[in-house]
Amino acid sequence: MPYRYRPEVLDELARHGLRPTAETSPDRLREQINDLYRIEIRRLRNRCVAGEFPTTALAGRVRELRTRYMLLSIPVAHWVEA
């Protein structure tokens, strides 16, 4: 079944270096985005532990990171056009 992704979803995916084809499953893309998010969260935590910034700044940086991964808050059924 070919998938037709919404233009705004394609834009967000491209920001993360992902360029799906019509055969690429939304579930697969969500897994990839989630993996990237988890890598960045770990990197952020490690930087905090290393003393690059205070723990009081961690929550703000996590919120900022979440805005870059807003697709994770949207159900994959809404990523494609009906």
C-alpha atoms as a PDB file:
ATOM      1  CA  MET A   1       0.000   0.000   0.000  1.00  0.00           C
ATOM      2  CA  PRO A   2       1.546   3.322  -1.010  1.00  0.00           C
ATOM      3  CA  TYR A   3       1.630   6.071   1.606  1.00  0.00           C
ATOM      4  CA  ARG A   4       1.039   9.747   0.847  1.00  0.00           C
ATOM      5  CA  TYR A   5       2.677  11.755   3.586  1.00  0.00           C
ATOM      6  CA  ARG A   6       1.386  15.190   4.513  1.00  0.00           C
ATOM      7  CA  PRO A   7       3.753  17.960   3.334  1.00  0.00           C
ATOM      8  CA  GLU A   8       4.359  19.252   6.876  1.00  0.00           C
ATOM      9  CA  VAL A   9       5.293  15.734   7.993  1.00  0.00           C
ATOM     10  CA  LEU A  10       7.727  15.399   5.087  1.00  0.00           C
ATOM     11  CA  ASP A  11       9.296  18.719   6.125  1.00  0.00           C
ATOM     12  CA  GLU A  12       9.765  17.521   9.703  1.00  0.00           C
ATOM     13  CA  LEU A  13      11.179  14.184   8.567  1.00  0.00           C
ATOM     14  CA  ALA A  14      13.634  15.969   6.266  1.00  0.00           C
ATOM     15  CA  ARG A  15      14.918  18.008   9.241  1.00  0.00           C
ATOM     16  CA  HIS A  16      16.018  14.689  10.707  1.00  0.00           C
ATOM     17  CA  GLY A  17      17.535  13.469   7.459  1.00  0.00           C
ATOM     18  CA  LEU A  18      14.703  11.095   6.600  1.00  0.00           C
ATOM     19  CA  ARG A  19      13.270  10.974   3.083  1.00  0.00           C
ATOM     20  CA  PRO A  20      10.505   8.361   2.931  1.00  0.00           C
ATOM     21  CA  THR A  21       9.244   6.798  -0.249  1.00  0.00           C
ATOM     22  CA  ALA A  22       5.636   5.841  -0.885  1.00  0.00           C
ATOM     23  CA  GLU A  23       6.497   2.365   0.404  1.00  0.00           C
ATOM     24  CA  THR A  24       8.021   3.532   3.699  1.00  0.00           C
ATOM     25  CA  SER A  25       5.771   2.674   6.607  1.00  0.00           C
ATOM     26  CA  PRO A  26       4.874   5.482   9.043  1.00  0.00           C
ATOM     27  CA  ASP A  27       5.517   3.069  11.921  1.00  0.00           C
ATOM     28  CA  ARG A  28       9.066   2.470  10.678  1.00  0.00           C
ATOM     29  CA  LEU A  29       9.672   6.214  10.420  1.00  0.00           C
ATOM     30  CA  ARG A  30       8.332   6.772  13.928  1.00  0.00           C
ATOM     31  CA  GLU A  31      10.755   4.154  15.250  1.00  0.00           C
ATOM     32  CA  GLN A  32      13.633   5.929  13.512  1.00  0.00           C
ATOM     33  CA  ILE A  33      12.587   9.338  14.873  1.00  0.00           C
ATOM     34  CA  ASN A  34      12.227   7.841  18.350  1.00  0.00           C
ATOM     35  CA  ASP A  35      15.706   6.310  18.124  1.00  0.00           C
ATOM     36  CA  LEU A  36      17.171   9.689  17.145  1.00  0.00           C
ATOM     37  CA  TYR A  37      15.333  11.374  20.016  1.00  0.00           C
ATOM     38  CA  ARG A  38      16.617   8.836  22.546  1.00  0.00           C
ATOM     39  CA  ILE A  39      20.186   9.303  21.292  1.00  0.00           C
ATOM     40  CA  GLU A  40      19.882  13.064  21.729  1.00  0.00           C
ATOM     41  CA  ILE A  41      18.336  12.713  25.200  1.00  0.00           C
ATOM     42  CA  ARG A  42      21.210  10.479  26.286  1.00  0.00           C
ATOM     43  CA  ARG A  43      23.745  12.896  24.817  1.00  0.00           C
ATOM     44  CA  LEU A  44      22.079  15.778  26.649  1.00  0.00           C
ATOM     45  CA  ARG A  45      22.079  13.882  29.942  1.00  0.00           C
ATOM     46  CA  ASN A  46      25.740  12.936  29.509  1.00  0.00           C
ATOM     47  CA  ARG A  47      26.664  16.563  28.844  1.00  0.00           C
ATOM     48  CA  CYS A  48      24.847  17.595  32.016  1.00  0.00           C
ATOM     49  CA  VAL A  49      26.614  14.908  34.055  1.00  0.00           C
ATOM     50  CA  ALA A  50      29.939  16.037  32.561  1.00  0.00           C
ATOM     51  CA  GLY A  51      29.255  19.523  33.909  1.00  0.00           C
ATOM     52  CA  GLU A  52      28.727  21.358  30.614  1.00  0.00           C
ATOM     53  CA  PHE A  53      25.628  22.982  32.089  1.00  0.00           C
ATOM     54  CA  PRO A  54      23.846  22.873  35.468  1.00  0.00           C
ATOM     55  CA  THR A  55      21.120  20.347  36.204  1.00  0.00           C
ATOM     56  CA  THR A  56      18.705  23.244  36.659  1.00  0.00           C
ATOM     57  CA  ALA A  57      19.038  23.932  32.929  1.00  0.00           C
ATOM     58  CA  LEU A  58      18.337  20.328  31.924  1.00  0.00           C
ATOM     59  CA  ALA A  59      14.526  20.593  31.931  1.00  0.00           C
ATOM     60  CA  GLY A  60      14.573  23.596  29.607  1.00  0.00           C
ATOM     61  CA  ARG A  61      16.911  21.848  27.213  1.00  0.00           C
ATOM     62  CA  VAL A  62      14.710  18.745  27.217  1.00  0.00           C
ATOM     63  CA  ARG A  63      11.659  20.907  26.402  1.00  0.00           C
ATOM     64  CA  GLU A  64      13.594  22.482  23.540  1.00  0.00           C
ATOM     65  CA  LEU A  65      14.540  19.026  22.274  1.00  0.00           C
ATOM     66  CA  ARG A  66      10.914  17.884  22.413  1.00  0.00           C
ATOM     67  CA  THR A  67       9.882  20.738  20.132  1.00  0.00           C
ATOM     68  CA  ARG A  68      12.373  19.490  17.543  1.00  0.00           C
ATOM     69  CA  TYR A  69      10.777  16.039  17.758  1.00  0.00           C
ATOM     70  CA  MET A  70       7.144  17.153  17.671  1.00  0.00           C
ATOM     71  CA  LEU A  71       6.253  14.310  15.302  1.00  0.00           C
ATOM     72  CA  LEU A  72       6.516  11.918  18.240  1.00  0.00           C
ATOM     73  CA  SER A  73       3.473  13.608  19.779  1.00  0.00           C
ATOM     74  CA  ILE A  74       1.336  13.086  16.660  1.00  0.00           C
ATOM     75  CA  PRO A  75      -0.272   9.691  15.993  1.00  0.00           C
ATOM     76  CA  VAL A  76       1.186   8.106  12.855  1.00  0.00           C
ATOM     77  CA  ALA A  77      -2.305   7.817  11.392  1.00  0.00           C
ATOM     78  CA  HIS A  78      -2.212  11.615  11.019  1.00  0.00           C
ATOM     79  CA  TRP A  79       1.122  11.564   9.176  1.00  0.00           C
ATOM     80  CA  VAL A  80      -0.467  10.346   5.961  1.00  0.00           C
ATOM     81  CA  GLU A  81      -3.293  11.633   3.815  1.00  0.00           C
ATOM     82  CA  ALA A  82      -6.452   9.551   3.655  1.00  0.00           C
END
